[in-house]
N, C-alpha and C. Protein backbone atom coordinates (compact mmCIF):
# COMPACT_ATOMS: atom_id res chain seq x y z
N MET A 1 0.85 -1.12 -0.01
CA MET A 1 0.00 -0.10 -0.07
C MET A 1 0.86 1.40 -0.03
N ASN A 2 0.69 2.10 -1.01
CA ASN A 2 1.50 3.31 -1.03
C ASN A 2 1.13 4.42 0.11
N LYS A 3 1.79 5.43 0.17
CA LYS A 3 1.47 6.22 1.34
C LYS A 3 0.17 7.04 0.96
N THR A 4 -0.26 7.44 -0.13
CA THR A 4 -1.57 8.08 -0.45
C THR A 4 -2.62 7.12 -0.14
N ASP A 5 -2.55 5.76 -0.41
CA ASP A 5 -3.53 4.85 -0.08
C ASP A 5 -3.60 4.64 1.52
N GLN A 6 -2.45 4.69 2.02
CA GLN A 6 -2.46 4.61 3.51
C GLN A 6 -3.25 5.78 4.25
N LEU A 7 -2.96 6.97 3.70
CA LEU A 7 -3.80 8.10 4.32
C LEU A 7 -5.11 8.06 4.00
N LEU A 8 -5.70 7.48 2.61
CA LEU A 8 -7.10 7.47 2.61
C LEU A 8 -7.54 6.31 3.30
N TYR A 9 -6.87 5.24 3.62
CA TYR A 9 -7.44 4.10 4.48
C TYR A 9 -7.60 4.68 5.90
N PHE A 10 -6.65 5.44 6.62
CA PHE A 10 -6.99 5.90 7.83
C PHE A 10 -7.93 6.98 7.94
N CYS A 11 -8.07 7.72 6.74
CA CYS A 11 -9.31 8.62 6.83
C CYS A 11 -10.56 8.04 7.09
N GLN A 12 -10.74 6.74 6.30
CA GLN A 12 -12.04 5.95 6.47
C GLN A 12 -12.14 5.31 7.72
N MET A 13 -11.06 4.80 8.35
CA MET A 13 -10.97 4.28 9.65
C MET A 13 -11.39 5.07 10.63
N THR A 14 -10.95 6.51 10.59
CA THR A 14 -11.22 7.48 11.58
C THR A 14 -12.65 7.86 11.60
N VAL A 15 -13.13 7.88 10.34
CA VAL A 15 -14.66 8.03 10.24
C VAL A 15 -15.40 6.95 10.75
N LYS A 16 -15.05 5.80 10.59
CA LYS A 16 -15.79 4.52 10.65
C LYS A 16 -15.96 4.39 12.30
N GLU A 17 -15.00 4.80 13.04
CA GLU A 17 -14.73 4.52 14.41
C GLU A 17 -15.13 5.81 15.23
N ASN A 18 -15.92 6.89 14.46
CA ASN A 18 -16.33 7.93 15.06
C ASN A 18 -15.39 8.87 15.71
N LEU A 19 -14.33 8.89 15.06
CA LEU A 19 -13.27 9.74 15.72
C LEU A 19 -13.19 11.00 14.80
N ALA A 20 -14.00 11.29 13.87
CA ALA A 20 -13.75 12.57 12.97
C ALA A 20 -14.60 13.62 13.39
N GLY A 21 -14.08 14.83 12.91
CA GLY A 21 -14.76 16.10 13.31
C GLY A 21 -14.28 17.01 12.15
N GLU A 22 -14.58 18.39 12.46
CA GLU A 22 -14.44 19.50 11.40
C GLU A 22 -12.84 19.85 11.61
N GLY A 23 -12.18 20.04 10.68
CA GLY A 23 -10.89 20.46 10.61
C GLY A 23 -9.73 19.33 10.76
N ASP A 24 -10.13 18.10 10.88
CA ASP A 24 -9.06 16.99 10.95
C ASP A 24 -8.08 16.92 9.86
N CYS A 25 -6.94 16.36 10.25
CA CYS A 25 -5.98 16.37 9.34
C CYS A 25 -4.97 14.98 9.55
N ILE A 26 -4.47 14.28 8.39
CA ILE A 26 -3.82 13.06 8.80
C ILE A 26 -2.60 13.27 7.90
N SER A 27 -1.26 13.06 8.39
CA SER A 27 -0.12 13.18 7.39
C SER A 27 0.81 12.03 7.70
N ILE A 28 1.55 11.77 6.76
CA ILE A 28 2.62 10.83 6.95
C ILE A 28 4.02 11.45 6.38
N ARG A 29 4.93 11.12 7.16
CA ARG A 29 6.46 11.72 6.57
C ARG A 29 6.77 10.98 5.33
N ASP A 30 7.32 11.97 4.56
CA ASP A 30 7.71 11.46 3.17
C ASP A 30 9.10 12.09 2.68
N GLY A 31 10.16 11.46 3.13
CA GLY A 31 11.31 12.19 2.73
C GLY A 31 11.69 13.41 3.57
N ASP A 32 11.98 14.50 2.74
CA ASP A 32 12.10 15.88 3.42
C ASP A 32 10.91 16.47 3.55
N GLY A 33 9.80 15.98 3.72
CA GLY A 33 8.51 16.67 3.81
C GLY A 33 7.36 15.72 4.33
N MET A 34 6.17 16.02 3.90
CA MET A 34 5.11 15.17 4.32
C MET A 34 4.03 15.04 3.32
N LEU A 35 3.10 13.91 3.29
CA LEU A 35 2.05 13.95 2.56
C LEU A 35 0.79 14.08 3.61
N ALA A 36 -0.14 14.94 3.06
CA ALA A 36 -1.14 15.27 4.20
C ALA A 36 -2.48 15.49 3.38
N THR A 37 -3.71 15.18 4.13
CA THR A 37 -5.04 15.45 3.67
C THR A 37 -5.31 16.96 3.82
N ASP A 38 -6.19 17.35 3.20
CA ASP A 38 -6.73 18.53 3.27
C ASP A 38 -7.50 18.81 4.36
N PRO A 39 -7.02 19.69 5.33
CA PRO A 39 -7.83 20.14 6.51
C PRO A 39 -9.05 20.74 6.58
N CYS A 40 -9.31 21.48 5.37
CA CYS A 40 -10.45 22.12 5.01
C CYS A 40 -11.47 21.12 4.39
N LYS A 41 -11.40 19.98 4.34
CA LYS A 41 -12.42 19.10 3.65
C LYS A 41 -12.56 17.81 4.72
N ALA A 42 -13.66 17.33 4.68
CA ALA A 42 -14.00 16.39 5.77
C ALA A 42 -13.19 15.10 5.34
N LEU A 43 -12.77 14.27 6.39
CA LEU A 43 -12.02 12.96 6.23
C LEU A 43 -12.73 11.90 5.24
N ARG A 44 -14.03 11.96 5.40
CA ARG A 44 -14.90 11.03 4.67
C ARG A 44 -15.12 11.40 3.26
N ASP A 45 -14.63 12.66 2.88
CA ASP A 45 -14.71 13.13 1.36
C ASP A 45 -13.42 13.21 0.98
N GLN A 46 -12.23 12.81 1.46
CA GLN A 46 -10.99 12.91 0.99
C GLN A 46 -10.79 11.87 -0.21
N THR A 47 -10.10 12.36 -1.32
CA THR A 47 -9.74 11.40 -2.48
C THR A 47 -8.24 11.70 -2.64
N ALA A 48 -7.63 10.91 -3.53
CA ALA A 48 -6.21 10.92 -3.90
C ALA A 48 -5.87 12.22 -4.28
N GLU A 49 -6.78 13.15 -5.04
CA GLU A 49 -6.49 14.30 -5.57
C GLU A 49 -6.30 15.31 -4.38
N ASP A 50 -6.91 15.15 -3.15
CA ASP A 50 -6.80 16.03 -2.06
C ASP A 50 -5.43 15.81 -1.27
N ILE A 51 -4.83 14.76 -1.56
CA ILE A 51 -3.42 14.46 -0.79
C ILE A 51 -2.29 15.35 -1.43
N ARG A 52 -1.69 16.03 -0.67
CA ARG A 52 -0.59 16.97 -1.25
C ARG A 52 0.84 16.85 -0.47
N LYS A 53 1.83 17.19 -1.25
CA LYS A 53 3.09 16.94 -0.61
C LYS A 53 3.62 18.31 -0.08
N PHE A 54 4.05 18.50 0.99
CA PHE A 54 4.55 19.70 1.60
C PHE A 54 6.13 19.51 1.97
N ASP A 55 6.85 20.41 1.56
CA ASP A 55 8.33 20.35 1.81
C ASP A 55 8.36 21.03 3.15
N PHE A 56 9.32 20.43 4.11
CA PHE A 56 9.59 21.03 5.41
C PHE A 56 10.29 22.33 5.32
N SER A 57 10.73 22.76 4.08
CA SER A 57 11.45 23.97 4.20
C SER A 57 10.55 25.13 3.93
N HIS A 58 9.38 24.90 3.78
CA HIS A 58 8.21 25.85 3.41
C HIS A 58 7.26 25.72 4.60
N LEU A 59 6.71 26.82 5.22
CA LEU A 59 5.81 26.88 6.30
C LEU A 59 4.35 26.92 5.67
N PRO A 60 3.58 25.92 5.89
CA PRO A 60 2.15 25.90 5.32
C PRO A 60 1.39 27.11 5.99
N VAL A 61 0.45 27.75 5.22
CA VAL A 61 -0.41 28.77 5.96
C VAL A 61 -1.47 28.08 6.76
N ASN A 62 -2.04 26.82 6.56
CA ASN A 62 -3.03 26.31 7.29
C ASN A 62 -2.41 26.00 8.60
N LYS A 63 -3.04 26.23 9.90
CA LYS A 63 -2.48 26.07 11.15
C LYS A 63 -2.24 24.45 11.34
N MET A 64 -3.17 23.81 11.01
CA MET A 64 -3.03 22.33 11.35
C MET A 64 -1.86 21.64 10.35
N LEU A 65 -1.74 22.03 9.28
CA LEU A 65 -0.41 21.74 8.53
C LEU A 65 0.84 22.05 9.02
N ALA A 66 0.86 23.43 9.49
CA ALA A 66 1.84 24.04 10.25
C ALA A 66 2.48 23.21 11.52
N LEU A 67 1.27 22.86 12.26
CA LEU A 67 1.47 22.01 13.40
C LEU A 67 2.07 20.65 12.95
N HIS A 68 1.53 19.98 12.15
CA HIS A 68 2.15 18.84 11.55
C HIS A 68 3.58 18.83 11.29
N ARG A 69 3.92 19.77 10.49
CA ARG A 69 5.34 20.15 10.10
C ARG A 69 6.27 20.34 11.23
N ALA A 70 5.66 21.05 12.30
CA ALA A 70 6.55 21.30 13.31
C ALA A 70 7.04 20.05 14.12
N LEU A 71 5.83 19.09 14.22
CA LEU A 71 5.83 18.02 14.99
C LEU A 71 6.87 16.98 14.34
N TYR A 72 6.98 16.90 13.12
CA TYR A 72 7.87 16.16 12.39
C TYR A 72 9.25 16.73 12.59
N LYS A 73 9.56 18.00 12.58
CA LYS A 73 10.73 18.57 12.78
C LYS A 73 11.30 18.42 14.19
N ALA A 74 10.40 18.44 15.22
CA ALA A 74 10.87 18.18 16.62
C ALA A 74 10.93 16.85 17.07
N ARG A 75 10.39 16.02 16.29
CA ARG A 75 10.28 14.51 16.79
C ARG A 75 10.71 13.60 15.52
N PRO A 76 12.09 13.36 15.36
CA PRO A 76 12.56 12.44 14.34
C PRO A 76 11.98 11.17 14.27
N ASP A 77 11.61 10.74 15.50
CA ASP A 77 10.97 9.29 15.65
C ASP A 77 9.58 9.22 15.06
N VAL A 78 8.95 10.44 14.75
CA VAL A 78 7.43 10.36 14.29
C VAL A 78 7.56 10.17 12.77
N SER A 79 6.52 9.36 12.36
CA SER A 79 6.47 9.15 10.88
C SER A 79 4.97 9.42 10.62
N ALA A 80 4.05 9.68 11.39
CA ALA A 80 2.61 9.85 11.17
C ALA A 80 2.08 10.84 12.29
N VAL A 81 1.20 11.69 11.92
CA VAL A 81 0.52 12.67 12.79
C VAL A 81 -0.98 12.75 12.42
N ILE A 82 -1.73 12.73 13.34
CA ILE A 82 -3.30 12.86 13.26
C ILE A 82 -3.69 14.05 14.25
N THR A 83 -4.38 15.04 13.67
CA THR A 83 -5.08 16.01 14.54
C THR A 83 -6.62 15.88 14.26
N ASN A 84 -7.32 15.41 15.32
CA ASN A 84 -8.83 15.12 15.12
C ASN A 84 -9.77 15.63 16.20
N HIS A 85 -10.87 15.50 15.88
CA HIS A 85 -12.04 16.08 16.87
C HIS A 85 -13.14 14.96 17.22
N ALA A 86 -12.59 14.12 17.84
CA ALA A 86 -13.64 13.02 18.39
C ALA A 86 -14.48 13.64 19.38
N PRO A 87 -15.78 13.23 19.50
CA PRO A 87 -16.74 13.92 20.41
C PRO A 87 -16.39 13.91 21.72
N TYR A 88 -16.07 12.65 22.49
CA TYR A 88 -15.83 12.63 23.86
C TYR A 88 -14.34 13.34 24.10
N SER A 89 -13.38 13.34 23.25
CA SER A 89 -12.29 13.87 23.50
C SER A 89 -12.47 15.43 23.48
N CYS A 90 -13.18 16.02 22.60
CA CYS A 90 -13.60 17.40 22.57
C CYS A 90 -14.37 17.96 23.72
N LEU A 91 -15.16 17.07 24.17
CA LEU A 91 -15.94 17.41 25.48
C LEU A 91 -15.07 17.30 26.63
N VAL A 92 -14.18 16.58 26.79
CA VAL A 92 -13.17 16.56 27.95
C VAL A 92 -12.26 17.68 27.90
N ALA A 93 -11.82 17.82 26.63
CA ALA A 93 -10.81 19.05 26.41
C ALA A 93 -11.49 20.39 26.62
N GLU A 94 -12.87 20.47 26.58
CA GLU A 94 -13.58 21.60 26.87
C GLU A 94 -13.79 21.83 28.54
N LYS A 95 -13.89 20.61 29.20
CA LYS A 95 -14.33 20.74 30.59
C LYS A 95 -13.14 20.42 31.59
N GLN A 96 -12.14 19.93 31.12
CA GLN A 96 -11.14 19.41 32.20
C GLN A 96 -9.70 20.11 31.81
N ASN A 97 -8.76 19.97 32.63
CA ASN A 97 -7.45 20.31 32.45
C ASN A 97 -6.57 19.38 32.46
N LYS A 98 -6.95 18.03 32.99
CA LYS A 98 -6.13 16.81 33.00
C LYS A 98 -7.03 15.68 33.10
N LEU A 99 -6.53 14.50 32.22
CA LEU A 99 -7.45 13.49 32.25
C LEU A 99 -6.61 12.23 32.71
N SER A 100 -6.91 11.65 33.84
CA SER A 100 -6.18 10.65 34.47
C SER A 100 -6.68 9.38 33.66
N ALA A 101 -5.65 8.32 33.55
CA ALA A 101 -5.97 7.01 33.00
C ALA A 101 -6.82 6.23 33.83
N VAL A 102 -8.12 6.00 33.37
CA VAL A 102 -9.25 5.10 33.94
C VAL A 102 -9.22 3.81 33.20
N LEU A 103 -8.54 3.54 32.14
CA LEU A 103 -8.44 2.13 31.35
C LEU A 103 -7.15 1.91 31.28
N ASP A 104 -6.79 0.31 31.23
CA ASP A 104 -5.37 -0.05 31.10
C ASP A 104 -4.64 0.40 29.90
N ASP A 105 -5.40 0.41 28.64
CA ASP A 105 -4.67 0.73 27.34
C ASP A 105 -4.44 2.37 27.37
N VAL A 106 -4.95 3.10 28.22
CA VAL A 106 -4.67 4.42 28.18
C VAL A 106 -3.38 4.49 28.84
N ALA A 107 -3.36 3.91 30.11
CA ALA A 107 -1.99 3.76 30.72
C ALA A 107 -1.00 3.28 30.02
N GLN A 108 -1.26 2.09 29.25
CA GLN A 108 -0.23 1.49 28.46
C GLN A 108 0.38 2.36 27.41
N ILE A 109 -0.53 2.92 26.47
CA ILE A 109 -0.36 3.61 25.15
C ILE A 109 0.13 5.11 25.48
N ILE A 110 -0.63 5.62 26.41
CA ILE A 110 -0.40 7.30 26.47
C ILE A 110 0.27 7.47 27.77
N GLY A 111 0.03 6.97 28.95
CA GLY A 111 0.73 7.08 30.12
C GLY A 111 -0.42 7.28 31.30
N PRO A 112 0.15 7.54 32.42
CA PRO A 112 -0.77 7.66 33.64
C PRO A 112 -1.79 8.66 33.63
N PHE A 113 -1.56 9.74 32.70
CA PHE A 113 -2.53 10.75 32.47
C PHE A 113 -2.29 11.48 31.19
N VAL A 114 -3.34 11.93 30.59
CA VAL A 114 -3.29 12.69 29.36
C VAL A 114 -3.05 14.26 29.63
N ARG A 115 -2.09 14.58 29.04
CA ARG A 115 -1.83 16.17 29.06
C ARG A 115 -2.68 17.06 28.16
N PHE A 116 -2.75 18.39 28.53
CA PHE A 116 -3.54 19.35 27.68
C PHE A 116 -2.64 20.48 27.33
N ALA A 117 -2.48 20.75 26.02
CA ALA A 117 -1.80 21.85 25.54
C ALA A 117 -2.82 23.06 25.52
N ALA A 118 -2.16 24.22 25.92
CA ALA A 118 -3.09 25.34 25.91
C ALA A 118 -3.72 25.77 24.46
N SER A 119 -2.92 25.46 23.47
CA SER A 119 -3.49 25.77 22.09
C SER A 119 -2.82 24.90 21.01
N TYR A 120 -3.29 25.13 19.83
CA TYR A 120 -2.68 24.42 18.66
C TYR A 120 -1.33 24.91 18.21
N GLU A 121 -0.83 26.12 18.82
CA GLU A 121 0.34 26.61 18.46
C GLU A 121 1.53 25.53 18.80
N PRO A 122 2.36 25.46 17.73
CA PRO A 122 3.31 24.21 17.73
C PRO A 122 4.26 24.32 19.09
N ARG A 123 4.65 25.44 19.55
CA ARG A 123 5.26 25.40 20.73
C ARG A 123 4.51 24.89 21.86
N ASP A 124 3.37 25.11 21.96
CA ASP A 124 2.54 24.45 23.08
C ASP A 124 2.41 23.17 23.11
N VAL A 125 2.18 22.71 21.78
CA VAL A 125 1.90 21.14 21.59
C VAL A 125 3.15 20.47 21.85
N ILE A 126 4.24 20.95 21.15
CA ILE A 126 5.59 20.15 21.40
C ILE A 126 5.95 20.16 22.79
N ARG A 127 5.75 21.27 23.48
CA ARG A 127 6.18 21.17 25.06
C ARG A 127 5.42 20.12 25.78
N ILE A 128 4.06 20.16 25.66
CA ILE A 128 3.16 19.25 26.43
C ILE A 128 3.40 17.83 25.86
N LEU A 129 3.49 17.62 24.69
CA LEU A 129 3.59 16.18 24.17
C LEU A 129 4.85 15.64 24.52
N GLY A 130 6.07 16.21 24.75
CA GLY A 130 7.32 15.79 25.11
C GLY A 130 7.67 14.59 24.11
N LYS A 131 7.94 13.40 24.93
CA LYS A 131 8.25 12.16 24.10
C LYS A 131 6.97 11.32 24.09
N ARG A 132 5.72 11.85 24.41
CA ARG A 132 4.70 10.98 24.37
C ARG A 132 3.99 11.08 23.08
N ASN A 133 3.03 10.13 22.93
CA ASN A 133 2.40 9.97 21.66
C ASN A 133 1.06 10.67 21.43
N ALA A 134 0.46 11.33 22.49
CA ALA A 134 -0.95 11.87 22.28
C ALA A 134 -1.14 12.84 23.26
N CYS A 135 -1.97 13.79 23.13
CA CYS A 135 -2.49 14.85 24.00
C CYS A 135 -3.61 15.49 23.62
N LEU A 136 -4.42 16.25 24.45
CA LEU A 136 -5.51 17.09 24.07
C LEU A 136 -5.24 18.46 24.08
N ILE A 137 -6.04 19.36 23.28
CA ILE A 137 -5.70 20.74 23.16
C ILE A 137 -6.99 21.20 23.92
N LYS A 138 -6.69 22.23 24.81
CA LYS A 138 -7.82 22.86 25.44
C LYS A 138 -8.72 23.50 24.61
N ASN A 139 -10.12 23.25 24.95
CA ASN A 139 -10.96 23.86 23.97
C ASN A 139 -10.85 23.36 22.46
N GLY A 140 -10.22 22.31 22.22
CA GLY A 140 -10.13 21.76 20.85
C GLY A 140 -10.07 20.32 20.72
N GLY A 141 -9.29 19.65 20.01
CA GLY A 141 -9.55 18.25 20.03
C GLY A 141 -8.19 17.49 20.39
N ALA A 142 -7.77 16.44 19.56
CA ALA A 142 -6.63 15.55 20.00
C ALA A 142 -5.51 15.51 18.99
N VAL A 143 -4.34 15.44 19.49
CA VAL A 143 -3.10 15.35 18.60
C VAL A 143 -2.41 13.82 18.97
N ALA A 144 -2.30 13.16 18.00
CA ALA A 144 -1.43 11.91 18.12
C ALA A 144 -0.44 11.60 17.10
N VAL A 145 0.62 11.14 17.58
CA VAL A 145 1.84 10.91 16.57
C VAL A 145 2.20 9.42 16.69
N GLY A 146 2.83 8.88 15.96
CA GLY A 146 3.29 7.52 15.88
C GLY A 146 4.33 7.19 14.98
N ARG A 147 5.16 6.13 15.15
CA ARG A 147 6.22 5.59 14.18
C ARG A 147 5.44 5.26 13.03
N THR A 148 4.28 4.78 12.86
CA THR A 148 3.40 4.38 11.80
C THR A 148 2.06 5.22 11.93
N PRO A 149 1.34 5.14 10.79
CA PRO A 149 -0.21 5.63 10.85
C PRO A 149 -0.85 4.88 11.77
N ASP A 150 -0.76 3.59 11.78
CA ASP A 150 -1.61 2.83 12.84
C ASP A 150 -1.35 3.13 14.24
N GLU A 151 -0.20 3.41 14.61
CA GLU A 151 0.20 3.86 16.03
C GLU A 151 -0.42 5.21 16.20
N ALA A 152 -0.41 6.25 15.38
CA ALA A 152 -0.98 7.43 15.55
C ALA A 152 -2.62 7.32 15.73
N HIS A 153 -3.14 6.50 14.78
CA HIS A 153 -4.56 6.26 14.92
C HIS A 153 -4.90 5.62 16.24
N THR A 154 -4.07 4.56 16.54
CA THR A 154 -4.22 3.91 17.87
C THR A 154 -4.28 4.96 18.97
N GLY A 155 -3.35 5.92 18.93
CA GLY A 155 -3.42 6.99 20.06
C GLY A 155 -4.84 7.69 20.11
N CYS A 156 -5.17 7.99 18.95
CA CYS A 156 -6.61 8.81 18.82
C CYS A 156 -7.67 8.01 19.40
N LEU A 157 -7.66 6.60 19.00
CA LEU A 157 -8.74 5.77 19.44
C LEU A 157 -8.62 5.65 21.05
N VAL A 158 -7.52 5.50 21.51
CA VAL A 158 -7.27 5.38 22.91
C VAL A 158 -7.72 6.47 23.70
N LEU A 159 -7.33 7.67 23.22
CA LEU A 159 -7.83 8.76 23.92
C LEU A 159 -9.40 9.06 23.81
N GLU A 160 -9.98 8.66 22.79
CA GLU A 160 -11.44 8.68 22.76
C GLU A 160 -11.99 7.81 23.75
N LYS A 161 -11.39 6.47 23.88
CA LYS A 161 -12.04 5.60 24.77
C LYS A 161 -11.67 6.01 26.17
N GLY A 162 -10.67 6.56 26.65
CA GLY A 162 -10.33 7.00 27.83
C GLY A 162 -11.25 8.33 28.32
N ALA A 163 -11.59 9.13 27.26
CA ALA A 163 -12.46 10.24 27.51
C ALA A 163 -13.77 9.72 27.76
N LYS A 164 -14.33 8.65 26.91
CA LYS A 164 -15.75 8.35 27.13
C LYS A 164 -15.97 7.65 28.47
N ALA A 165 -14.96 6.75 28.83
CA ALA A 165 -14.90 6.21 30.03
C ALA A 165 -14.95 6.99 31.30
N TYR A 166 -14.31 8.33 31.21
CA TYR A 166 -14.38 9.08 32.15
C TYR A 166 -15.41 9.80 32.26
N VAL A 167 -16.03 10.25 31.04
CA VAL A 167 -17.46 11.10 31.09
C VAL A 167 -18.66 10.13 31.76
N GLU A 168 -18.39 8.91 31.27
CA GLU A 168 -19.47 7.97 31.63
C GLU A 168 -19.47 7.48 33.12
N GLY A 169 -18.07 7.64 33.63
CA GLY A 169 -17.87 7.23 35.00
C GLY A 169 -18.25 8.35 35.91
N LYS A 170 -18.11 9.63 35.38
CA LYS A 170 -18.57 10.85 36.19
C LYS A 170 -20.00 10.73 36.38
N ILE A 171 -20.75 10.26 35.36
CA ILE A 171 -22.24 10.36 35.34
C ILE A 171 -22.73 9.30 36.39
N LEU A 172 -21.86 8.18 36.44
CA LEU A 172 -22.36 7.11 37.40
C LEU A 172 -21.65 7.35 38.75
N GLY A 173 -21.18 8.34 39.08
CA GLY A 173 -20.57 8.71 40.36
C GLY A 173 -19.11 8.71 40.56
N GLY A 174 -18.40 8.69 39.37
CA GLY A 174 -16.84 8.89 39.34
C GLY A 174 -16.17 7.73 38.90
N ALA A 175 -15.22 7.86 37.94
CA ALA A 175 -14.40 6.81 37.39
C ALA A 175 -13.21 6.60 38.24
N LYS A 176 -12.73 5.62 38.46
CA LYS A 176 -11.77 5.22 39.41
C LYS A 176 -10.30 5.13 38.61
N LYS A 177 -9.45 6.16 38.76
CA LYS A 177 -8.29 6.15 38.11
C LYS A 177 -7.19 5.02 38.60
N ILE A 178 -6.33 4.74 37.57
CA ILE A 178 -5.40 3.72 37.82
C ILE A 178 -4.30 4.34 38.61
N PRO A 179 -3.91 3.77 39.76
CA PRO A 179 -2.94 4.12 40.63
C PRO A 179 -1.66 4.36 39.88
N LEU A 180 -0.95 5.59 40.31
CA LEU A 180 0.26 5.98 39.41
C LEU A 180 1.51 4.96 39.27
N HIS A 181 1.71 4.26 40.41
CA HIS A 181 2.66 3.24 40.22
C HIS A 181 2.27 2.08 39.15
N GLU A 182 0.97 1.84 39.22
CA GLU A 182 0.53 0.71 38.27
C GLU A 182 0.51 1.22 36.88
N ALA A 183 0.10 2.45 36.80
CA ALA A 183 -0.13 2.96 35.37
C ALA A 183 1.38 3.12 34.74
N LEU A 184 2.37 3.56 35.67
CA LEU A 184 3.87 3.74 35.17
C LEU A 184 4.27 2.31 34.73
N LEU A 185 4.17 1.25 35.46
CA LEU A 185 4.46 -0.12 35.24
C LEU A 185 3.77 -0.57 33.75
N MET A 186 2.54 -0.35 33.75
CA MET A 186 1.92 -0.81 32.56
C MET A 186 2.50 0.00 31.22
N ARG A 187 2.95 1.24 31.41
CA ARG A 187 3.36 2.11 30.27
C ARG A 187 4.80 1.41 30.05
N PHE A 188 5.64 1.03 31.03
CA PHE A 188 6.94 0.60 30.87
C PHE A 188 6.97 -0.70 30.13
N VAL A 189 6.10 -1.61 30.68
CA VAL A 189 6.13 -3.01 29.98
C VAL A 189 5.67 -2.92 28.61
N TYR A 190 4.69 -2.06 28.29
CA TYR A 190 4.08 -1.93 27.02
C TYR A 190 5.29 -1.51 26.09
N LYS A 191 6.02 -0.39 26.37
CA LYS A 191 6.95 0.24 25.50
C LYS A 191 8.06 -0.86 25.30
N LYS A 192 8.56 -1.55 26.32
CA LYS A 192 9.66 -2.56 26.36
C LYS A 192 9.37 -3.84 25.72
N LYS A 193 8.10 -4.31 25.92
CA LYS A 193 7.82 -5.69 25.47
C LYS A 193 6.90 -5.87 24.30
N TYR A 194 5.91 -4.88 24.10
CA TYR A 194 5.10 -4.96 23.04
C TYR A 194 5.07 -4.00 21.90
N SER A 195 5.36 -2.68 22.48
CA SER A 195 5.23 -1.64 21.40
C SER A 195 6.06 -1.71 20.06
N LYS A 196 7.42 -1.93 20.22
CA LYS A 196 8.27 -1.98 19.12
C LYS A 196 7.86 -3.02 17.96
N ALA A 197 7.79 -4.42 18.61
CA ALA A 197 7.66 -5.41 17.61
C ALA A 197 6.14 -5.29 16.99
N ASP A 198 5.17 -4.89 17.68
CA ASP A 198 3.79 -4.64 17.13
C ASP A 198 3.88 -3.69 16.11
N GLN A 199 4.50 -2.63 16.25
CA GLN A 199 4.42 -1.54 15.03
C GLN A 199 5.27 -2.00 13.99
N THR A 200 6.39 -2.65 14.32
CA THR A 200 7.20 -3.11 13.09
C THR A 200 6.34 -4.22 12.23
N ALA A 201 5.45 -4.97 12.85
CA ALA A 201 4.60 -5.89 12.22
C ALA A 201 3.55 -5.25 11.30
N LYS A 202 3.08 -4.07 11.90
CA LYS A 202 2.01 -3.38 11.25
C LYS A 202 2.54 -2.65 10.08
N LYS A 203 3.91 -1.95 10.31
CA LYS A 203 4.42 -1.19 9.20
C LYS A 203 4.65 -2.14 7.96
N GLU A 204 5.09 -3.28 8.25
CA GLU A 204 5.42 -4.36 7.24
C GLU A 204 3.98 -4.72 6.48
N GLU A 205 3.05 -4.86 7.21
CA GLU A 205 1.69 -5.15 6.65
C GLU A 205 1.24 -4.10 5.79
N LEU A 206 1.38 -2.85 6.17
CA LEU A 206 0.85 -1.61 5.36
C LEU A 206 1.78 -1.41 4.23
N ASP A 207 3.07 -1.69 4.21
CA ASP A 207 3.93 -1.63 3.09
C ASP A 207 3.95 -2.62 2.04
N ARG A 208 3.05 -3.75 2.26
CA ARG A 208 2.82 -4.78 1.36
C ARG A 208 2.17 -4.13 0.06
């Protein structure tokens, strides 16, 4: 599957899993630049003609594309970026300032808690994201990065699951967060034992 086909595939997966909203963008590193969807067009309507190549030597006018570019330049380990507006993620981003892990996969894939960037400005997102692979934007949506498009997509999916569990838990009297030491251990084991092999296998599958 070439990179354009990969982008279109994850556009449809994002829509299918109810992770899409207005202004979403998916990109993949491509040499000294990136291939990206059109942030001004809904993911469900993207076609191969909407996919464009952006050279890192030029700053895109669109703020989402500018953020994607900045993330690639700041994180050499990143090969895919997704900015999306899933419903529960947006709700939590509006109402909260920090989201603790209440699900095992949030602790494993994102960490003990989800951080919130103050805005979509690249400096805010890069600082909050650090070496993590996902964060929320205050009064915005989600940002997820990965070594593969699948890993970035998984970050968006896990963020939304964690946000949904938190919201539904609050309605029922409060979601119980995973203790910090347990969450840190889950994250450590995932990174050391499962993460690298899993993403290598998925990259090979997409490249076929």
